[in-house]
Amino acid sequence: MIFFFNKIKTLFEILIQNKILNRPDFSEKKIFLQGKLYENNILKKKKISNFSEVEFSAFSQFGEDGIISWLTNQIPNIKKVFLEIGTEDYWESNTRFLLKSNKWKGYIIEASESDVNKIKKQSLYWKHDISAINEFVEKGNINLIIKNNLKMNDIGFLSLDIDGNDYWILKELEIEADLVVCEYNPIFGDKFELTIPYEKNFDRSKKHFSKLFFGCSIRALISLMDKKKYCFLGTNTQGMNAFFVNRKKLEHFNEKIENKKIFPPLSREGRDENGKLNFNSLYENLKFIENLEVYDIKEKNNKKISEFKNIYSEEWKNSFL
């Protein structure tokens, strides 16, 4: 009877976590300790060929936890303060492992009020020095939000992933960071500097049923960050997050990364008109959004995607086959 009762109790707790708290079904302590083991191994690497050698995921979506850990440990006396813009409920994020592993101070900006409330209910919120800010960021308010909440102009690490006006928000950002990771949209290819035209209230899910029209291309991101005096270090192997270092800190990476590689995208997250995953490659899904307009940064005008020829390099096209 006791055994049966304990089983029922366990199932009830899982139901509460998954359905009511929308919490992933995992032991955070176990995942964190496994992450620490991986971290200890990757931190022994003084030189790498590319980021594939240091990737691991504890709380990040893909291998960002390992990359971020390795990068932040290359800069002596880095300021242990981060800002992550776009986190949902923070269970899956680019900075959760950084917060727990190295006791950084953190700021989160998230548009969803319900997600911010979920963050504040987590034990992590009182165990660590972290502030969750409920704001929908756009060009006109991003720097004011930062000024009102961070009270500082420089931080150690910045993560931006809002699935929308990422390029335009990053362009306006006045805060300075040692390291930056930003998501880009690989469906826009690796040959042109493209971004979605700015829409103040952009919503990825409402813009197009495929949910593939958002953000900017990798070339647009690299070019913008170069203008902001940041150097490209490479992407994750999933081919969707790019990493940069402030030129003031570039000396700490001299000859440490052999190949600053842009990995071809692997994700197949396109949706059909019913909202279901279609499991097509980005190359196959491109036809669904080819009549939408993107902003050509070099030419400074809007064009339909179909007007661009061969937006993918041969390496990328071969990866889709």
Protein backbone atom coordinates (compact mmCIF):
# COMPACT_ATOMS: atom_id res chain seq x y z
CA MET A 1 0.00 0.00 0.00
CA ILE A 2 2.84 2.42 0.87
CA PHE A 3 4.57 1.58 -2.41
CA PHE A 4 1.37 2.25 -4.33
CA PHE A 5 0.84 5.56 -2.49
CA ASN A 6 4.38 6.72 -3.28
CA LYS A 7 3.89 5.89 -6.96
CA ILE A 8 0.68 7.94 -7.05
CA LYS A 9 2.43 10.80 -5.27
CA THR A 10 5.28 10.78 -7.79
CA LEU A 11 2.92 10.77 -10.75
CA PHE A 12 0.95 13.65 -9.20
CA GLU A 13 4.13 15.70 -8.69
CA ILE A 14 5.16 15.12 -12.33
CA LEU A 15 1.69 16.20 -13.46
CA ILE A 16 1.93 19.38 -11.37
CA GLN A 17 5.38 20.22 -12.74
CA ASN A 18 4.64 19.47 -16.39
CA LYS A 19 1.04 20.57 -16.86
CA ILE A 20 0.48 23.25 -14.25
CA LEU A 21 3.92 24.80 -13.72
CA ASN A 22 4.94 24.00 -17.30
CA ARG A 23 8.21 22.75 -15.88
CA PRO A 24 10.46 20.30 -17.76
CA ASP A 25 10.54 16.75 -16.41
CA PHE A 26 14.08 16.62 -15.13
CA SER A 27 16.12 16.78 -11.97
CA GLU A 28 17.83 20.15 -12.10
CA LYS A 29 20.50 19.06 -9.65
CA LYS A 30 21.38 16.01 -11.70
CA ILE A 31 21.59 17.96 -14.95
CA PHE A 32 23.65 20.68 -13.30
CA LEU A 33 26.15 18.18 -11.88
CA GLN A 34 26.47 16.47 -15.26
CA GLY A 35 27.06 19.89 -16.78
CA LYS A 36 29.84 20.57 -14.26
CA LEU A 37 31.59 17.37 -15.34
CA TYR A 38 31.47 18.45 -18.98
CA GLU A 39 32.58 21.94 -17.99
CA ASN A 40 35.64 20.63 -16.18
CA ASN A 41 36.68 18.79 -19.34
CA ILE A 42 36.17 21.60 -21.82
CA LEU A 43 37.97 24.15 -19.62
CA LYS A 44 41.14 22.11 -19.99
CA LYS A 45 41.20 23.04 -23.68
CA LYS A 46 43.46 26.02 -24.32
CA LYS A 47 43.04 25.93 -28.10
CA ILE A 48 40.18 24.63 -30.23
CA SER A 49 39.55 24.18 -33.93
CA ASN A 50 35.96 25.47 -33.62
CA PHE A 51 33.12 25.49 -31.13
CA SER A 52 32.17 21.86 -31.77
CA GLU A 53 34.98 20.91 -29.36
CA VAL A 54 33.48 22.70 -26.37
CA GLU A 55 29.74 22.32 -26.82
CA PHE A 56 27.50 20.81 -24.17
CA SER A 57 23.96 21.52 -23.06
CA ALA A 58 22.73 21.55 -19.51
CA PHE A 59 20.02 24.21 -19.73
CA SER A 60 20.73 25.75 -23.13
CA GLN A 61 18.75 24.66 -26.18
CA PHE A 62 21.76 23.18 -27.93
CA GLY A 63 25.48 23.37 -27.08
CA GLU A 64 25.61 26.98 -25.92
CA ASP A 65 26.31 26.20 -22.24
CA GLY A 66 29.69 24.73 -23.11
CA ILE A 67 30.64 27.48 -25.55
CA ILE A 68 29.67 30.23 -23.11
CA SER A 69 31.53 28.56 -20.25
CA TRP A 70 34.69 28.19 -22.35
CA LEU A 71 34.51 31.75 -23.69
CA THR A 72 33.91 33.45 -20.35
CA ASN A 73 36.81 31.55 -18.82
CA GLN A 74 39.24 32.90 -21.42
CA ILE A 75 38.85 36.48 -20.17
CA PRO A 76 40.65 37.14 -16.86
CA ASN A 77 38.61 39.06 -14.29
CA ILE A 78 35.57 39.23 -16.55
CA LYS A 79 32.72 41.20 -15.00
CA LYS A 80 30.32 38.51 -13.79
CA VAL A 81 27.13 40.26 -14.86
CA PHE A 82 24.92 39.10 -17.72
CA LEU A 83 21.85 40.32 -19.56
CA GLU A 84 19.63 37.86 -21.42
CA ILE A 85 16.87 39.28 -23.61
CA GLY A 86 14.22 36.71 -24.49
CA THR A 87 14.03 33.75 -22.10
CA GLU A 88 10.43 32.52 -21.88
CA ASP A 89 10.23 30.82 -18.44
CA TYR A 90 14.05 30.51 -18.16
CA TRP A 91 14.17 26.73 -17.77
CA GLU A 92 15.84 26.59 -21.18
CA SER A 93 18.22 29.52 -21.60
CA ASN A 94 21.75 30.62 -22.42
CA THR A 95 22.61 31.89 -18.94
CA ARG A 96 21.03 29.55 -16.38
CA PHE A 97 24.12 27.34 -16.22
CA LEU A 98 26.37 30.41 -16.08
CA LEU A 99 24.35 31.74 -13.15
CA LYS A 100 24.47 28.48 -11.21
CA SER A 101 27.98 27.36 -12.10
CA ASN A 102 29.94 30.56 -11.62
CA LYS A 103 27.65 32.67 -9.42
CA TRP A 104 27.14 35.46 -11.91
CA LYS A 105 24.65 38.27 -11.34
CA GLY A 106 21.91 38.25 -13.93
CA TYR A 107 19.22 40.34 -15.58
CA ILE A 108 16.46 38.88 -17.73
CA ILE A 109 14.12 40.80 -20.01
CA GLU A 110 11.05 38.83 -21.08
CA ALA A 111 7.88 40.06 -22.81
CA SER A 112 5.53 37.44 -21.35
CA GLU A 113 4.10 38.37 -17.95
CA SER A 114 3.12 34.76 -17.23
CA ASP A 115 6.66 33.55 -17.97
CA VAL A 116 8.16 36.22 -15.71
CA ASN A 117 5.80 35.11 -12.94
CA LYS A 118 6.96 31.51 -13.45
CA ILE A 119 10.59 32.62 -13.20
CA LYS A 120 9.94 34.40 -9.91
CA LYS A 121 8.32 31.28 -8.46
CA GLN A 122 11.41 29.16 -9.08
CA SER A 123 13.78 28.57 -6.15
CA LEU A 124 16.60 29.77 -8.38
CA TYR A 125 15.14 33.28 -8.15
CA TRP A 126 15.80 33.64 -4.42
CA LYS A 127 18.92 31.50 -4.35
CA HIS A 128 20.76 33.69 -6.86
CA ASP A 129 21.18 37.36 -7.65
CA ILE A 130 18.89 37.63 -10.66
CA SER A 131 16.24 40.12 -11.74
CA ALA A 132 13.42 39.32 -14.19
CA ILE A 133 12.07 42.34 -16.05
CA ASN A 134 8.69 42.11 -17.77
CA GLU A 135 8.96 44.30 -20.89
CA PHE A 136 8.31 43.96 -24.60
CA VAL A 137 11.47 45.39 -26.15
CA GLU A 138 11.49 47.56 -29.24
CA LYS A 139 13.81 50.17 -30.71
CA GLY A 140 12.34 53.04 -28.77
CA ASN A 141 12.50 51.54 -25.28
CA ILE A 142 15.38 49.07 -25.07
CA ASN A 143 18.01 51.47 -23.77
CA LEU A 144 15.58 53.05 -21.30
CA ILE A 145 14.68 49.61 -19.93
CA ILE A 146 18.37 48.86 -19.43
CA LYS A 147 19.07 52.25 -17.87
CA ASN A 148 16.19 51.88 -15.42
CA ASN A 149 17.10 48.37 -14.34
CA LEU A 150 20.80 47.67 -14.75
CA LYS A 151 22.35 50.92 -13.52
CA MET A 152 25.53 50.07 -15.48
CA ASN A 153 26.89 50.54 -18.99
CA ASP A 154 29.12 47.48 -19.25
CA ILE A 155 28.57 43.79 -18.55
CA GLY A 156 30.40 40.53 -19.06
CA PHE A 157 27.91 38.70 -21.25
CA LEU A 158 24.90 39.56 -23.42
CA SER A 159 22.44 37.09 -24.96
CA LEU A 160 19.75 38.20 -27.42
CA ASP A 161 17.05 35.88 -28.77
CA ILE A 162 13.62 37.41 -29.32
CA ASP A 163 12.66 35.71 -32.62
CA GLY A 164 11.80 38.99 -34.26
CA ASN A 165 13.45 42.39 -34.41
CA ASP A 166 16.78 41.05 -33.15
CA TYR A 167 18.84 43.00 -35.71
CA TRP A 168 17.11 46.30 -35.03
CA ILE A 169 17.25 45.91 -31.25
CA LEU A 170 20.93 44.98 -31.36
CA LYS A 171 21.63 47.97 -33.58
CA GLU A 172 20.09 50.32 -31.00
CA LEU A 173 21.67 48.73 -27.93
CA GLU A 174 24.07 51.07 -26.17
CA ILE A 175 25.24 48.70 -23.46
CA GLU A 176 28.75 47.28 -23.87
CA ALA A 177 29.54 43.62 -23.20
CA ASP A 178 32.74 41.56 -23.29
CA LEU A 179 30.96 38.69 -25.03
CA VAL A 180 27.74 38.50 -27.05
CA VAL A 181 25.64 35.65 -28.39
CA CYS A 182 22.78 36.40 -30.75
CA GLU A 183 20.42 34.15 -32.64
CA TYR A 184 20.17 34.60 -36.39
CA ASN A 185 17.77 33.08 -38.90
CA PRO A 186 19.55 30.61 -41.21
CA ILE A 187 16.66 30.47 -43.67
CA PHE A 188 17.92 33.86 -44.93
CA GLY A 189 21.12 32.15 -46.07
CA ASP A 190 24.81 32.87 -45.61
CA LYS A 191 25.56 35.15 -48.58
CA PHE A 192 23.52 38.35 -48.10
CA GLU A 193 22.94 40.89 -45.32
CA LEU A 194 19.19 40.48 -44.77
CA THR A 195 16.79 41.17 -41.95
CA ILE A 196 13.06 41.42 -41.50
CA PRO A 197 11.80 45.00 -41.96
CA TYR A 198 11.22 46.64 -38.61
CA GLU A 199 7.73 46.22 -37.16
CA LYS A 200 7.27 47.62 -33.66
CA ASN A 201 4.87 44.88 -32.53
CA PHE A 202 6.32 42.02 -34.58
CA ASP A 203 5.01 38.57 -33.65
CA ARG A 204 6.73 35.60 -35.30
CA SER A 205 3.75 33.28 -34.91
CA LYS A 206 1.34 35.79 -36.46
CA LYS A 207 3.57 36.97 -39.31
CA HIS A 208 3.56 33.68 -41.19
CA PHE A 209 2.17 30.22 -40.48
CA SER A 210 5.60 28.60 -41.02
CA LYS A 211 7.09 30.60 -38.12
CA LEU A 212 10.23 30.92 -40.24
CA PHE A 213 10.09 34.65 -40.97
CA PHE A 214 12.00 36.46 -38.21
CA GLY A 215 15.42 37.83 -37.28
CA CYS A 216 18.30 38.35 -39.67
CA SER A 217 20.92 36.46 -41.67
CA ILE A 218 24.33 35.52 -40.29
CA ARG A 219 26.03 37.99 -42.66
CA ALA A 220 23.81 40.83 -41.45
CA LEU A 221 24.70 39.98 -37.87
CA ILE A 222 28.45 39.77 -38.48
CA SER A 223 28.44 43.07 -40.39
CA LEU A 224 26.44 44.87 -37.71
CA MET A 225 28.64 43.59 -34.90
CA ASP A 226 31.75 44.61 -36.80
CA LYS A 227 30.40 48.17 -36.95
CA LYS A 228 29.79 47.97 -33.21
CA LYS A 229 33.43 46.85 -32.75
CA TYR A 230 32.84 43.19 -32.01
CA CYS A 231 34.71 40.31 -33.65
CA PHE A 232 33.04 37.13 -34.86
CA LEU A 233 34.24 33.94 -33.14
CA GLY A 234 32.00 31.29 -34.70
CA THR A 235 28.57 29.67 -34.44
CA ASN A 236 27.21 26.66 -32.63
CA THR A 237 27.05 23.44 -34.65
CA GLN A 238 23.26 23.69 -34.88
CA GLY A 239 23.82 26.76 -37.03
CA MET A 240 21.64 29.36 -35.35
CA ASN A 241 23.61 31.19 -32.63
CA ALA A 242 26.64 33.40 -33.35
CA PHE A 243 29.25 34.43 -30.80
CA PHE A 244 31.25 37.67 -30.65
CA VAL A 245 33.94 39.26 -28.50
CA ASN A 246 34.49 42.93 -27.85
CA ARG A 247 37.61 44.10 -29.71
CA LYS A 248 38.98 45.34 -26.40
CA LYS A 249 39.09 41.71 -25.24
CA LEU A 250 40.15 40.09 -28.51
CA GLU A 251 43.73 39.63 -27.28
CA HIS A 252 42.50 36.86 -24.97
CA PHE A 253 41.52 34.77 -28.00
CA ASN A 254 44.63 35.18 -30.12
CA GLU A 255 45.32 31.83 -31.85
CA LYS A 256 42.89 30.02 -29.54
CA ILE A 257 40.20 29.39 -32.18
CA GLU A 258 41.61 27.97 -35.40
CA ASN A 259 38.47 28.10 -37.53
CA LYS A 260 35.77 30.70 -36.84
CA LYS A 261 33.27 28.49 -38.58
CA ILE A 262 29.72 29.25 -39.67
CA PHE A 263 28.04 25.86 -39.40
CA PRO A 264 25.26 24.99 -41.86
CA PRO A 265 21.83 24.86 -40.17
CA LEU A 266 20.40 21.55 -38.96
CA SER A 267 16.97 22.52 -37.63
CA ARG A 268 13.75 21.48 -39.36
CA GLU A 269 11.29 23.60 -37.43
CA GLY A 270 9.04 24.82 -40.25
CA ARG A 271 5.27 24.48 -39.80
CA ASP A 272 2.46 23.72 -42.22
CA GLU A 273 -0.77 25.73 -42.42
CA ASN A 274 -2.22 23.65 -39.59
CA GLY A 275 0.64 24.58 -37.28
CA LYS A 276 2.27 21.16 -37.37
CA LEU A 277 5.97 20.57 -37.96
CA ASN A 278 6.60 19.60 -41.59
CA PHE A 279 10.20 18.35 -41.02
CA ASN A 280 11.39 19.97 -44.25
CA SER A 281 14.87 21.44 -44.55
CA LEU A 282 15.15 25.23 -44.61
CA TYR A 283 15.94 24.99 -48.31
CA GLU A 284 12.61 23.21 -48.90
CA ASN A 285 10.70 25.60 -46.64
CA LEU A 286 12.09 28.71 -48.32
CA LYS A 287 9.34 28.54 -50.96
CA PHE A 288 6.70 29.25 -48.33
CA ILE A 289 8.11 32.68 -47.49
CA GLU A 290 9.74 33.63 -50.81
CA ASN A 291 7.11 36.30 -51.52
CA LEU A 292 7.65 38.07 -48.20
CA GLU A 293 9.86 41.14 -48.18
CA VAL A 294 13.18 41.38 -46.35
CA TYR A 295 15.35 44.43 -45.89
CA ASP A 296 18.58 44.38 -47.92
CA ILE A 297 21.01 46.15 -45.61
CA LYS A 298 23.63 46.90 -48.24
CA GLU A 299 21.16 48.27 -50.79
CA LYS A 300 18.96 49.84 -48.07
CA ASN A 301 15.63 48.75 -49.50
CA ASN A 302 13.02 46.03 -49.23
CA LYS A 303 12.96 43.09 -51.64
CA LYS A 304 11.02 39.89 -51.94
CA ILE A 305 13.13 36.90 -50.98
CA SER A 306 12.45 35.45 -54.44
CA GLU A 307 14.43 38.35 -55.98
CA PHE A 308 17.65 36.99 -54.50
CA LYS A 309 19.38 34.23 -56.41
CA ASN A 310 21.34 31.54 -54.60
CA ILE A 311 21.13 32.95 -51.07
CA TYR A 312 22.83 29.76 -49.84
CA SER A 313 26.49 28.90 -50.39
CA GLU A 314 27.35 25.57 -51.99
CA GLU A 315 28.41 24.22 -48.58
CA TRP A 316 25.01 25.05 -47.13
CA LYS A 317 23.08 23.67 -50.12
CA ASN A 318 25.03 20.44 -49.91
CA SER A 319 24.14 20.14 -46.23
CA PHE A 320 20.43 20.22 -47.14
CA LEU A 321 20.72 17.23 -49.49
